[in-house]
Amino acid sequence: MKLRNFLVVFFAVAGSYASFAQSNLLNAKTPAEIGKKTAAQMNADNDKPLPYGYVHDRDILMGKAIWEIIDLDERVNFPLYYPIDSVNIGSDRRSLFDVLLKGIRSGRITEVYTDDYFTNKKTLKDMSSSFTYIDTTQAGRDEINTYYDDYFPKAKTVKKKVNGKWVTETVPGTPTKVLDPQYIDKRELTGIDISGYKIKGYWYFDKRQGELKYRMLGICPVSPEAREIGNENADVIELFWVYFPSIRNVLHESKAFNDKNSAMPLTFDHLLNARRFSAVIYKEENVYGDRKIEEYMKENSQMQLLESERVKEKIRNFEQDMWNY
């Protein structure tokens, strides 16, 4: 009887996860019905992200803030990067950057900051220069210089009668030409331009549970500015920092691709909280004002990686030492 109940629960959960991929896929009679949930499915989909348990400050025996960078060139991190073209893939999947940007534009994500200490808030207007770059091409400048008077005609002086008196007034000229769009260089930052994510997290030893745990605090996409798109030598910048606990509902509603079973996609909230990604530590909380590893291991990438591993092992060893008597 217990086994039967377990199987019923298992298949019910599996069925609810399957509905996340492409709802009504096997029951649709036309392609337009694919992705539309039935009334029963909508009533059953009352899922929310798994809430964090309350942790009292006195229960934290040891804690340390750690900053890491996720390189999207690594294959294990592809679920955060793809799909780069979310319009033509025929599903509701989006890249993590598209999910974050859509949430900011819609107003669902409001805890957006300029720094990783979450002190100064950042608005979409503040980020517009990083997301969009508009300029005139060289051919467009040549076109304007050739027909300058047509694009920027000189002002004219006209006389008109005001209150019985003639007055002279300067009227701006009317352009006879409008610059063709082919002469406009417009670049917009999209998911394909994101090179990685910086994350801030907190490792702590919970003495009540007797184990080492991790809590993500912030996430930040990094990429070149829109003006530098296409430049291989362009420096990447931090676009914005988002306080992670405030966006869990948004991330839970968005699904990442599961290579092993497309019928059971992962939510971005699950993927990030479960640390199903590869990351390298680039900074730890320290007495030197939280300086980065590259600031004291300069111009030596191998030593920086070794230092990153040393910091990681230092945290792991603390948990191991707790069980040595």
Protein backbone atom coordinates (compact mmCIF):
# COMPACT_ATOMS: atom_id res chain seq x y z
CA MET A 1 0.00 0.00 0.00
CA LYS A 2 2.84 2.36 0.89
CA LEU A 3 4.61 1.57 -2.38
CA ARG A 4 1.45 2.33 -4.32
CA ASN A 5 1.03 5.68 -2.57
CA PHE A 6 4.64 6.52 -3.27
CA LEU A 7 4.20 5.79 -6.97
CA VAL A 8 1.09 7.93 -7.12
CA VAL A 9 2.93 10.85 -5.53
CA PHE A 10 5.96 10.34 -7.77
CA PHE A 11 3.99 10.34 -11.01
CA ALA A 12 1.91 13.30 -9.87
CA VAL A 13 5.07 15.33 -9.24
CA ALA A 14 6.64 14.16 -12.49
CA GLY A 15 3.46 15.11 -14.33
CA SER A 16 3.48 18.59 -12.86
CA TYR A 17 7.10 19.08 -13.90
CA ALA A 18 6.35 17.74 -17.37
CA SER A 19 3.73 20.43 -17.83
CA PHE A 20 6.47 23.04 -17.49
CA ALA A 21 8.20 22.02 -20.72
CA GLN A 22 5.46 22.27 -23.35
CA SER A 23 2.04 22.06 -21.82
CA ASN A 24 -0.61 20.02 -23.62
CA LEU A 25 2.03 18.77 -26.09
CA LEU A 26 0.58 15.25 -26.42
CA ASN A 27 -3.07 16.29 -26.30
CA ALA A 28 -2.97 19.22 -28.72
CA LYS A 29 -4.94 18.79 -31.92
CA THR A 30 -3.40 21.86 -33.57
CA PRO A 31 0.01 23.54 -33.05
CA ALA A 32 -1.79 26.57 -31.62
CA GLU A 33 -2.93 24.48 -28.64
CA ILE A 34 0.63 23.54 -27.67
CA GLY A 35 1.73 25.42 -24.58
CA LYS A 36 -1.80 26.24 -23.44
CA LYS A 37 -2.62 24.70 -20.09
CA THR A 38 -5.99 23.23 -19.33
CA ALA A 39 -8.10 24.55 -16.45
CA ALA A 40 -7.12 21.52 -14.36
CA GLN A 41 -3.43 22.15 -14.96
CA MET A 42 -3.75 25.82 -14.03
CA ASN A 43 -5.45 24.90 -10.76
CA ALA A 44 -2.76 22.32 -9.99
CA ASP A 45 0.15 24.66 -10.76
CA ASN A 46 0.34 26.27 -7.34
CA ASP A 47 4.07 25.81 -6.95
CA LYS A 48 6.46 28.33 -5.43
CA PRO A 49 10.22 28.30 -4.83
CA LEU A 50 11.28 26.29 -1.83
CA PRO A 51 11.49 28.85 0.99
CA TYR A 52 14.72 29.37 2.86
CA GLY A 53 14.69 28.23 6.45
CA TYR A 54 15.16 30.76 9.21
CA VAL A 55 18.76 30.92 10.44
CA HIS A 56 19.45 32.72 13.70
CA ASP A 57 22.70 34.63 13.98
CA ARG A 58 23.67 32.55 17.00
CA ASP A 59 23.38 29.38 14.92
CA ILE A 60 26.12 30.52 12.52
CA LEU A 61 29.37 29.15 13.89
CA MET A 62 31.42 30.37 10.92
CA GLY A 63 30.57 32.52 7.91
CA LYS A 64 32.42 34.02 4.97
CA ALA A 65 31.27 36.02 1.95
CA ILE A 66 32.66 34.76 -1.36
CA TRP A 67 32.55 36.29 -4.85
CA GLU A 68 32.73 34.01 -7.89
CA ILE A 69 32.53 34.37 -11.66
CA ILE A 70 30.61 31.99 -13.94
CA ASP A 71 32.20 31.68 -17.37
CA LEU A 72 29.50 31.04 -19.99
CA ASP A 73 32.06 29.53 -22.38
CA GLU A 74 32.12 26.41 -20.20
CA ARG A 75 29.75 23.71 -21.40
CA VAL A 76 28.30 23.03 -17.97
CA ASN A 77 27.12 26.67 -17.84
CA PHE A 78 25.31 26.59 -21.19
CA PRO A 79 21.81 26.37 -19.59
CA LEU A 80 22.39 29.92 -18.29
CA TYR A 81 23.41 31.21 -21.73
CA TYR A 82 21.13 29.52 -24.24
CA PRO A 83 18.84 30.10 -26.07
CA ILE A 84 20.45 33.20 -27.57
CA ASP A 85 17.55 33.52 -30.02
CA SER A 86 14.48 33.16 -27.82
CA VAL A 87 12.06 34.15 -30.59
CA ASN A 88 12.52 31.34 -33.10
CA ILE A 89 13.01 28.28 -30.88
CA GLY A 90 9.31 27.48 -30.60
CA SER A 91 9.08 27.40 -26.79
CA ASP A 92 8.93 29.67 -23.77
CA ARG A 93 12.56 29.12 -22.80
CA ARG A 94 14.72 32.19 -22.29
CA SER A 95 18.33 32.83 -21.34
CA LEU A 96 18.96 34.01 -17.80
CA PHE A 97 19.84 37.51 -19.04
CA ASP A 98 16.55 37.79 -20.91
CA VAL A 99 14.68 36.74 -17.77
CA LEU A 100 16.46 39.36 -15.65
CA LEU A 101 16.08 42.14 -18.21
CA LYS A 102 12.41 41.36 -18.79
CA GLY A 103 11.80 41.39 -15.04
CA ILE A 104 13.49 44.79 -14.68
CA ARG A 105 11.56 46.31 -17.58
CA SER A 106 8.23 44.98 -16.32
CA GLY A 107 8.89 46.26 -12.80
CA ARG A 108 8.84 42.83 -11.14
CA ILE A 109 12.54 43.11 -10.32
CA THR A 110 13.19 46.27 -8.35
CA GLU A 111 16.18 45.39 -6.15
CA VAL A 112 18.80 46.42 -8.73
CA TYR A 113 22.06 48.01 -7.57
CA THR A 114 25.29 49.46 -8.90
CA ASP A 115 27.56 47.53 -6.52
CA ASP A 116 27.86 44.15 -4.88
CA TYR A 117 27.18 45.56 -1.41
CA PHE A 118 23.68 46.66 -2.48
CA THR A 119 24.04 50.26 -1.32
CA ASN A 120 23.14 52.32 -4.44
CA LYS A 121 20.07 51.49 -6.47
CA LYS A 122 20.18 51.54 -10.26
CA THR A 123 17.28 52.32 -12.60
CA LEU A 124 16.69 51.16 -16.15
CA LYS A 125 17.42 54.70 -17.32
CA ASP A 126 20.83 54.55 -15.65
CA MET A 127 21.62 51.40 -17.62
CA SER A 128 20.34 52.60 -21.00
CA SER A 129 23.77 53.77 -22.19
CA SER A 130 25.20 50.31 -21.52
CA PHE A 131 22.33 48.50 -23.28
CA THR A 132 21.93 50.68 -26.38
CA TYR A 133 24.45 52.58 -28.53
CA ILE A 134 23.35 54.84 -31.40
CA ASP A 135 25.76 56.77 -33.62
CA THR A 136 26.16 57.97 -37.20
CA THR A 137 28.40 55.90 -39.46
CA GLN A 138 31.29 57.42 -41.37
CA ALA A 139 29.28 57.16 -44.60
CA GLY A 140 26.47 59.02 -42.85
CA ARG A 141 28.84 61.81 -41.80
CA ASP A 142 30.06 62.10 -45.39
CA GLU A 143 26.45 62.31 -46.56
CA ILE A 144 25.68 65.11 -44.08
CA ASN A 145 28.83 67.04 -44.96
CA THR A 146 28.01 66.83 -48.68
CA TYR A 147 24.44 68.04 -48.29
CA TYR A 148 24.81 69.97 -45.06
CA ASP A 149 22.40 72.75 -46.01
CA ASP A 150 19.70 70.21 -46.82
CA TYR A 151 20.00 68.51 -43.43
CA PHE A 152 20.71 71.65 -41.38
CA PRO A 153 19.35 74.65 -43.28
CA LYS A 154 20.26 78.11 -42.10
CA ALA A 155 17.79 80.09 -40.05
CA LYS A 156 15.74 82.72 -41.87
CA THR A 157 14.90 86.23 -40.79
CA VAL A 158 11.29 87.23 -41.34
CA LYS A 159 9.28 90.32 -40.56
CA LYS A 160 5.79 90.19 -39.15
CA LYS A 161 3.36 92.66 -37.67
CA VAL A 162 2.71 92.38 -33.93
CA ASN A 163 0.33 94.83 -32.24
CA GLY A 164 0.54 97.16 -35.19
CA LYS A 165 4.34 97.16 -35.27
CA TRP A 166 6.71 95.36 -37.59
CA VAL A 167 9.16 93.08 -35.75
CA THR A 168 12.02 90.93 -36.99
CA GLU A 169 12.00 87.27 -35.98
CA THR A 170 14.45 84.44 -36.63
CA VAL A 171 12.79 81.22 -37.86
CA PRO A 172 14.73 77.95 -38.01
CA GLY A 173 15.06 76.43 -41.45
CA THR A 174 13.12 73.35 -42.51
CA PRO A 175 15.29 70.34 -43.48
CA THR A 176 14.62 68.97 -46.93
CA LYS A 177 16.40 65.66 -46.24
CA VAL A 178 16.18 63.07 -43.47
CA LEU A 179 19.14 60.81 -42.81
CA ASP A 180 18.50 57.31 -44.11
CA PRO A 181 18.47 54.52 -41.44
CA GLN A 182 21.31 52.76 -43.29
CA TYR A 183 23.60 55.53 -42.05
CA ILE A 184 22.66 54.91 -38.39
CA ASP A 185 24.81 52.53 -36.35
CA LYS A 186 22.54 51.09 -33.65
CA ARG A 187 23.75 48.32 -31.34
CA GLU A 188 21.69 46.71 -28.62
CA LEU A 189 23.00 44.42 -25.92
CA THR A 190 21.33 40.99 -25.99
CA GLY A 191 21.83 37.61 -24.37
CA ILE A 192 24.39 36.58 -27.00
CA ASP A 193 26.77 39.31 -25.77
CA ILE A 194 26.82 38.18 -22.12
CA SER A 195 30.17 36.58 -21.30
CA GLY A 196 29.46 35.51 -17.72
CA TYR A 197 27.90 36.22 -14.35
CA LYS A 198 29.42 37.39 -11.12
CA ILE A 199 27.77 36.00 -8.02
CA LYS A 200 28.07 36.86 -4.37
CA GLY A 201 27.30 34.19 -1.81
CA TYR A 202 27.71 33.35 1.83
CA TRP A 203 29.17 30.09 3.10
CA TYR A 204 28.25 29.38 6.71
CA PHE A 205 28.38 26.51 9.16
CA ASP A 206 25.01 25.92 10.80
CA LYS A 207 25.76 24.46 14.21
CA ARG A 208 22.11 23.53 14.74
CA GLN A 209 22.08 21.41 11.57
CA GLY A 210 25.75 20.50 11.87
CA GLU A 211 26.63 21.16 8.25
CA LEU A 212 28.19 23.68 5.90
CA LYS A 213 25.64 25.57 3.80
CA TYR A 214 25.57 28.15 1.03
CA ARG A 215 23.22 31.05 0.41
CA MET A 216 23.41 33.12 -2.77
CA LEU A 217 23.07 36.87 -2.14
CA GLY A 218 23.55 38.58 -5.50
CA ILE A 219 24.04 38.02 -9.21
CA CYS A 220 25.47 40.33 -11.87
CA PRO A 221 25.71 39.81 -15.67
CA VAL A 222 28.99 40.96 -17.20
CA SER A 223 29.55 41.91 -20.84
CA PRO A 224 31.12 44.61 -23.01
CA GLU A 225 29.15 47.86 -23.35
CA ALA A 226 26.86 48.14 -26.35
CA ARG A 227 29.34 50.49 -28.05
CA GLU A 228 32.02 47.75 -27.85
CA ILE A 229 29.96 44.93 -29.38
CA GLY A 230 32.09 43.15 -31.98
CA ASN A 231 35.38 44.30 -30.45
CA GLU A 232 37.26 41.18 -29.35
CA ASN A 233 39.57 43.19 -27.09
CA ALA A 234 36.80 45.07 -25.31
CA ASP A 235 36.76 45.04 -21.53
CA VAL A 236 33.72 43.58 -19.82
CA ILE A 237 31.81 45.58 -17.23
CA GLU A 238 29.32 44.81 -14.50
CA LEU A 239 25.91 45.72 -15.92
CA PHE A 240 23.94 45.60 -12.66
CA TRP A 241 23.75 43.69 -9.40
CA VAL A 242 20.46 42.09 -8.34
CA TYR A 243 19.71 41.02 -4.78
CA PHE A 244 19.08 37.32 -5.32
CA PRO A 245 16.48 36.49 -2.61
CA SER A 246 14.16 39.16 -4.05
CA ILE A 247 13.99 37.56 -7.52
CA ARG A 248 13.42 33.92 -6.63
CA ASN A 249 9.77 33.96 -7.72
CA VAL A 250 10.74 35.37 -11.13
CA LEU A 251 13.49 32.79 -11.57
CA HIS A 252 11.19 29.97 -10.45
CA GLU A 253 8.73 30.79 -13.23
CA SER A 254 11.45 30.58 -15.89
CA LYS A 255 12.86 27.26 -16.98
CA ALA A 256 16.33 26.22 -18.09
CA PHE A 257 16.99 23.32 -20.43
CA ASN A 258 17.53 19.89 -18.91
CA ASP A 259 19.78 17.94 -21.28
CA LYS A 260 18.97 14.61 -19.63
CA ASN A 261 15.18 14.96 -19.72
CA SER A 262 13.47 17.76 -21.65
CA ALA A 263 10.13 16.82 -20.07
CA MET A 264 11.46 17.92 -16.68
CA PRO A 265 13.20 21.29 -17.13
CA LEU A 266 14.96 22.98 -14.26
CA THR A 267 13.95 26.35 -12.92
CA PHE A 268 16.68 28.98 -12.77
CA ASP A 269 16.03 29.24 -9.04
CA HIS A 270 16.71 25.53 -8.57
CA LEU A 271 19.72 25.58 -10.88
CA LEU A 272 21.42 28.46 -9.04
CA ASN A 273 20.52 27.41 -5.50
CA ALA A 274 21.69 23.87 -6.17
CA ARG A 275 24.96 25.28 -7.59
CA ARG A 276 24.61 23.33 -10.84
CA PHE A 277 27.24 25.46 -12.51
CA SER A 278 30.99 25.91 -12.61
CA ALA A 279 32.47 29.03 -11.03
CA VAL A 280 35.86 30.39 -9.98
CA ILE A 281 36.40 32.43 -6.82
CA TYR A 282 37.82 35.86 -7.59
CA LYS A 283 37.40 37.54 -4.19
CA GLU A 284 36.81 36.66 -0.56
CA GLU A 285 35.87 38.67 2.47
CA ASN A 286 39.17 39.82 3.97
CA VAL A 287 40.83 42.42 6.16
CA TYR A 288 42.30 44.28 3.16
CA GLY A 289 38.96 45.81 2.16
CA ASP A 290 37.82 42.67 0.34
CA ARG A 291 40.56 42.97 -2.26
CA LYS A 292 40.42 40.73 -5.33
CA ILE A 293 42.79 37.84 -5.90
CA GLU A 294 44.15 39.51 -9.03
CA GLU A 295 45.23 42.50 -6.93
CA TYR A 296 47.79 40.50 -4.97
CA MET A 297 48.45 37.73 -7.52
CA LYS A 298 49.21 40.06 -10.43
CA GLU A 299 49.81 38.99 -14.03
CA ASN A 300 49.88 35.30 -13.21
CA SER A 301 46.70 33.47 -14.16
CA GLN A 302 47.94 30.11 -12.91
CA MET A 303 48.68 31.47 -9.45
CA GLN A 304 45.28 33.17 -9.38
CA LEU A 305 43.57 29.84 -10.07
CA LEU A 306 45.65 28.13 -7.39
CA GLU A 307 44.76 30.88 -4.91
CA SER A 308 41.09 30.45 -5.82
CA GLU A 309 41.34 26.73 -5.05
CA ARG A 310 43.12 27.50 -1.79
CA VAL A 311 40.24 29.70 -0.66
CA LYS A 312 37.77 26.98 -1.62
CA GLU A 313 39.69 24.31 0.27
CA LYS A 314 39.96 26.58 3.31
CA ILE A 315 36.17 26.67 3.53
CA ARG A 316 35.83 22.93 2.97
CA ASN A 317 38.45 22.11 5.55
CA PHE A 318 36.56 24.02 8.21
CA GLU A 319 33.67 21.60 7.89
CA GLN A 320 36.01 18.62 7.95
CA ASP A 321 37.78 19.94 11.05
CA MET A 322 34.46 20.16 12.88
CA TRP A 323 34.28 16.37 12.98
CA ASN A 324 37.86 15.78 14.17
CA TYR A 325 38.31 15.19 17.87
